[in-house]
Amino acid sequence: MAADKQDHIVAVVDDDPRVRESLEQLFDSAGIAHISFHSAEEALQYGGLTSIRCLITDVRMPGIDGCELQRRMTAALPTLPIIFVTADHDDEVRRNTLYQGAVAFFYKPFDGEELLNTVDAAVRQGRTSEASDVDY
């Protein structure tokens, strides 16, 4: 991971508190600033959306699911990298989310180091896109 990882926030959206806690511990161990939400609705109401540099979300959640969250976040923040982490082995959903621009799709259980590397690459790519496409 890059030494400058403290200046971004990874947002985790998952209705399972054990998954959120696991991801929080993973990001803590890597020194990555993060914020967690128990639902897509909670994430969408967060006032600091523009500070998020990578979104990690589950697919199946009560209320707004991960696919709808992806649609809404992509409309609001087109350069935001989105990564799916799910226990739901549905290849059609996987294909659709990747087609809609998700940078990765992990099935649980996943390799923590691989996820960290993917987050690092996504944040780096997002910064490059923001520098040229978004005016804050």
C-alpha atoms as a PDB file:
ATOM      1  CA  MET A   1       0.000   0.000   0.000  1.00  0.00           C
ATOM      2  CA  ALA A   2       1.127   3.529  -0.662  1.00  0.00           C
ATOM      3  CA  ALA A   3       2.469   5.761   2.111  1.00  0.00           C
ATOM      4  CA  ASP A   4      -0.150   8.430   1.300  1.00  0.00           C
ATOM      5  CA  LYS A   5      -3.120   6.164   2.074  1.00  0.00           C
ATOM      6  CA  GLN A   6      -4.219   8.248   5.082  1.00  0.00           C
ATOM      7  CA  ASP A   7      -5.637  11.042   2.919  1.00  0.00           C
ATOM      8  CA  HIS A   8      -8.573   9.048   1.555  1.00  0.00           C
ATOM      9  CA  ILE A   9     -11.574   7.295   2.970  1.00  0.00           C
ATOM     10  CA  VAL A  10     -12.767   3.850   2.012  1.00  0.00           C
ATOM     11  CA  ALA A  11     -16.489   3.462   2.623  1.00  0.00           C
ATOM     12  CA  VAL A  12     -17.835   0.033   3.530  1.00  0.00           C
ATOM     13  CA  VAL A  13     -21.552  -0.677   3.099  1.00  0.00           C
ATOM     14  CA  ASP A  14     -22.748  -4.019   4.433  1.00  0.00           C
ATOM     15  CA  ASP A  15     -25.744  -5.006   6.539  1.00  0.00           C
ATOM     16  CA  ASP A  16     -23.739  -7.751   8.278  1.00  0.00           C
ATOM     17  CA  PRO A  17     -21.958  -6.298  11.330  1.00  0.00           C
ATOM     18  CA  ARG A  18     -19.385  -9.135  11.282  1.00  0.00           C
ATOM     19  CA  VAL A  19     -18.346  -8.266   7.736  1.00  0.00           C
ATOM     20  CA  ARG A  20     -18.117  -4.561   8.572  1.00  0.00           C
ATOM     21  CA  GLU A  21     -16.002  -5.338  11.631  1.00  0.00           C
ATOM     22  CA  SER A  22     -13.740  -7.646   9.648  1.00  0.00           C
ATOM     23  CA  LEU A  23     -13.181  -5.038   6.948  1.00  0.00           C
ATOM     24  CA  GLU A  24     -12.637  -2.320   9.560  1.00  0.00           C
ATOM     25  CA  GLN A  25      -9.935  -4.460  11.190  1.00  0.00           C
ATOM     26  CA  LEU A  26      -8.326  -5.123   7.815  1.00  0.00           C
ATOM     27  CA  PHE A  27      -8.222  -1.408   6.975  1.00  0.00           C
ATOM     28  CA  ASP A  28      -7.025  -0.509  10.468  1.00  0.00           C
ATOM     29  CA  SER A  29      -4.156  -2.992  10.132  1.00  0.00           C
ATOM     30  CA  ALA A  30      -3.186  -1.383   6.815  1.00  0.00           C
ATOM     31  CA  GLY A  31      -3.559   2.170   8.146  1.00  0.00           C
ATOM     32  CA  ILE A  32      -6.352   3.020   5.737  1.00  0.00           C
ATOM     33  CA  ALA A  33      -8.889   5.646   6.787  1.00  0.00           C
ATOM     34  CA  HIS A  34     -12.372   4.178   6.495  1.00  0.00           C
ATOM     35  CA  ILE A  35     -16.001   4.666   7.377  1.00  0.00           C
ATOM     36  CA  SER A  36     -18.724   2.019   7.604  1.00  0.00           C
ATOM     37  CA  PHE A  37     -22.451   2.057   6.979  1.00  0.00           C
ATOM     38  CA  HIS A  38     -25.039  -0.598   7.835  1.00  0.00           C
ATOM     39  CA  SER A  39     -27.180   0.242   4.802  1.00  0.00           C
ATOM     40  CA  ALA A  40     -27.101   1.912   1.420  1.00  0.00           C
ATOM     41  CA  GLU A  41     -29.587   4.463   2.708  1.00  0.00           C
ATOM     42  CA  GLU A  42     -27.220   5.446   5.504  1.00  0.00           C
ATOM     43  CA  ALA A  43     -24.320   5.764   3.057  1.00  0.00           C
ATOM     44  CA  LEU A  44     -26.351   7.920   0.670  1.00  0.00           C
ATOM     45  CA  GLN A  45     -27.256  10.287   3.513  1.00  0.00           C
ATOM     46  CA  TYR A  46     -23.617  10.732   4.540  1.00  0.00           C
ATOM     47  CA  GLY A  47     -22.640  14.374   4.145  1.00  0.00           C
ATOM     48  CA  GLY A  48     -19.040  13.654   3.175  1.00  0.00           C
ATOM     49  CA  LEU A  49     -19.557  11.622   0.021  1.00  0.00           C
ATOM     50  CA  THR A  50     -16.963  13.616  -1.893  1.00  0.00           C
ATOM     51  CA  SER A  51     -14.304  12.554   0.659  1.00  0.00           C
ATOM     52  CA  ILE A  52     -14.820   8.885  -0.193  1.00  0.00           C
ATOM     53  CA  ARG A  53     -12.148   7.517  -2.521  1.00  0.00           C
ATOM     54  CA  CYS A  54     -13.405   3.930  -2.827  1.00  0.00           C
ATOM     55  CA  LEU A  55     -16.716   2.254  -2.046  1.00  0.00           C
ATOM     56  CA  ILE A  56     -16.941  -1.366  -0.979  1.00  0.00           C
ATOM     57  CA  THR A  57     -20.439  -2.781  -0.861  1.00  0.00           C
ATOM     58  CA  ASP A  58     -22.375  -5.991  -0.507  1.00  0.00           C
ATOM     59  CA  VAL A  59     -24.879  -6.952  -3.197  1.00  0.00           C
ATOM     60  CA  ARG A  60     -27.825  -8.210  -1.168  1.00  0.00           C
ATOM     61  CA  MET A  61     -28.996  -5.837   1.544  1.00  0.00           C
ATOM     62  CA  PRO A  62     -32.455  -4.903   2.828  1.00  0.00           C
ATOM     63  CA  GLY A  63     -33.874  -1.762   1.241  1.00  0.00           C
ATOM     64  CA  ILE A  64     -31.551  -0.389  -1.408  1.00  0.00           C
ATOM     65  CA  ASP A  65     -29.304  -3.189  -2.630  1.00  0.00           C
ATOM     66  CA  GLY A  66     -25.699  -2.879  -3.739  1.00  0.00           C
ATOM     67  CA  CYS A  67     -26.572  -2.697  -7.440  1.00  0.00           C
ATOM     68  CA  GLU A  68     -28.901   0.259  -6.903  1.00  0.00           C
ATOM     69  CA  LEU A  69     -26.306   1.868  -4.636  1.00  0.00           C
ATOM     70  CA  GLN A  70     -23.795   1.495  -7.465  1.00  0.00           C
ATOM     71  CA  ARG A  71     -26.182   3.199  -9.902  1.00  0.00           C
ATOM     72  CA  ARG A  72     -26.800   6.111  -7.534  1.00  0.00           C
ATOM     73  CA  MET A  73     -23.168   6.573  -6.532  1.00  0.00           C
ATOM     74  CA  THR A  74     -21.988   6.394 -10.131  1.00  0.00           C
ATOM     75  CA  ALA A  75     -24.515   9.068 -11.098  1.00  0.00           C
ATOM     76  CA  ALA A  76     -23.343  11.340  -8.254  1.00  0.00           C
ATOM     77  CA  LEU A  77     -19.611  10.508  -8.352  1.00  0.00           C
ATOM     78  CA  PRO A  78     -18.725   9.015 -11.750  1.00  0.00           C
ATOM     79  CA  THR A  79     -15.031   8.476 -10.944  1.00  0.00           C
ATOM     80  CA  LEU A  80     -15.652   6.727  -7.606  1.00  0.00           C
ATOM     81  CA  PRO A  81     -14.231   3.188  -7.734  1.00  0.00           C
ATOM     82  CA  ILE A  82     -16.726   0.602  -6.492  1.00  0.00           C
ATOM     83  CA  ILE A  83     -15.792  -2.874  -5.278  1.00  0.00           C
ATOM     84  CA  PHE A  84     -18.327  -5.572  -4.472  1.00  0.00           C
ATOM     85  CA  VAL A  85     -17.738  -8.106  -1.690  1.00  0.00           C
ATOM     86  CA  THR A  86     -20.542 -10.644  -1.404  1.00  0.00           C
ATOM     87  CA  ALA A  87     -21.440 -14.170  -0.377  1.00  0.00           C
ATOM     88  CA  ASP A  88     -24.029 -14.326  -3.156  1.00  0.00           C
ATOM     89  CA  HIS A  89     -22.529 -16.380  -5.986  1.00  0.00           C
ATOM     90  CA  ASP A  90     -24.532 -14.956  -8.870  1.00  0.00           C
ATOM     91  CA  ASP A  91     -22.529 -14.698 -12.071  1.00  0.00           C
ATOM     92  CA  GLU A  92     -25.158 -12.549 -13.781  1.00  0.00           C
ATOM     93  CA  VAL A  93     -25.030  -9.964 -10.994  1.00  0.00           C
ATOM     94  CA  ARG A  94     -21.231 -10.099 -11.131  1.00  0.00           C
ATOM     95  CA  ARG A  95     -21.217  -9.492 -14.895  1.00  0.00           C
ATOM     96  CA  ASN A  96     -23.750  -6.665 -14.601  1.00  0.00           C
ATOM     97  CA  THR A  97     -21.903  -4.832 -11.820  1.00  0.00           C
ATOM     98  CA  LEU A  98     -18.609  -5.073 -13.680  1.00  0.00           C
ATOM     99  CA  TYR A  99     -20.310  -3.940 -16.903  1.00  0.00           C
ATOM    100  CA  GLN A 100     -21.741  -0.965 -14.973  1.00  0.00           C
ATOM    101  CA  GLY A 101     -18.196   0.010 -13.952  1.00  0.00           C
ATOM    102  CA  ALA A 102     -17.351  -1.823 -10.732  1.00  0.00           C
ATOM    103  CA  VAL A 103     -13.587  -2.251 -10.525  1.00  0.00           C
ATOM    104  CA  ALA A 104     -13.757  -5.637  -8.783  1.00  0.00           C
ATOM    105  CA  PHE A 105     -16.114  -8.274  -7.465  1.00  0.00           C
ATOM    106  CA  PHE A 106     -15.016 -10.529  -4.594  1.00  0.00           C
ATOM    107  CA  TYR A 107     -16.849 -13.573  -3.294  1.00  0.00           C
ATOM    108  CA  LYS A 108     -16.712 -14.200   0.454  1.00  0.00           C
ATOM    109  CA  PRO A 109     -14.497 -15.466   1.868  1.00  0.00           C
ATOM    110  CA  PHE A 110     -11.911 -13.304   0.136  1.00  0.00           C
ATOM    111  CA  ASP A 111      -8.181 -12.789   0.466  1.00  0.00           C
ATOM    112  CA  GLY A 112      -7.554  -9.661   2.550  1.00  0.00           C
ATOM    113  CA  GLU A 113      -4.253  -8.839   0.869  1.00  0.00           C
ATOM    114  CA  GLU A 114      -5.854  -9.089  -2.564  1.00  0.00           C
ATOM    115  CA  LEU A 115      -8.641  -6.752  -1.460  1.00  0.00           C
ATOM    116  CA  LEU A 116      -6.105  -4.261  -0.057  1.00  0.00           C
ATOM    117  CA  ASN A 117      -4.160  -4.331  -3.322  1.00  0.00           C
ATOM    118  CA  THR A 118      -7.368  -3.795  -5.290  1.00  0.00           C
ATOM    119  CA  VAL A 119      -8.393  -0.876  -3.063  1.00  0.00           C
ATOM    120  CA  ASP A 120      -4.937   0.681  -3.455  1.00  0.00           C
ATOM    121  CA  ALA A 121      -5.072   0.360  -7.259  1.00  0.00           C
ATOM    122  CA  ALA A 122      -8.655   1.669  -7.377  1.00  0.00           C
ATOM    123  CA  VAL A 123      -7.825   4.710  -5.245  1.00  0.00           C
ATOM    124  CA  ARG A 124      -4.781   5.477  -7.380  1.00  0.00           C
ATOM    125  CA  GLN A 125      -6.865   5.196 -10.563  1.00  0.00           C
ATOM    126  CA  GLY A 126      -9.664   7.279  -9.024  1.00  0.00           C
ATOM    127  CA  ARG A 127      -7.217  10.043  -8.147  1.00  0.00           C
ATOM    128  CA  THR A 128      -5.921  10.083 -11.697  1.00  0.00           C
ATOM    129  CA  SER A 129      -9.475  10.321 -13.047  1.00  0.00           C
ATOM    130  CA  GLU A 130     -10.463  13.007 -10.551  1.00  0.00           C
ATOM    131  CA  ALA A 131      -7.488  15.133 -11.391  1.00  0.00           C
ATOM    132  CA  SER A 132      -8.627  15.333 -14.977  1.00  0.00           C
ATOM    133  CA  ASP A 133     -12.412  14.965 -14.764  1.00  0.00           C
ATOM    134  CA  VAL A 134     -13.781  16.401 -11.516  1.00  0.00           C
ATOM    135  CA  ASP A 135     -13.583  19.948 -10.215  1.00  0.00           C
ATOM    136  CA  TYR A 136     -14.184  20.153  -6.428  1.00  0.00           C
END
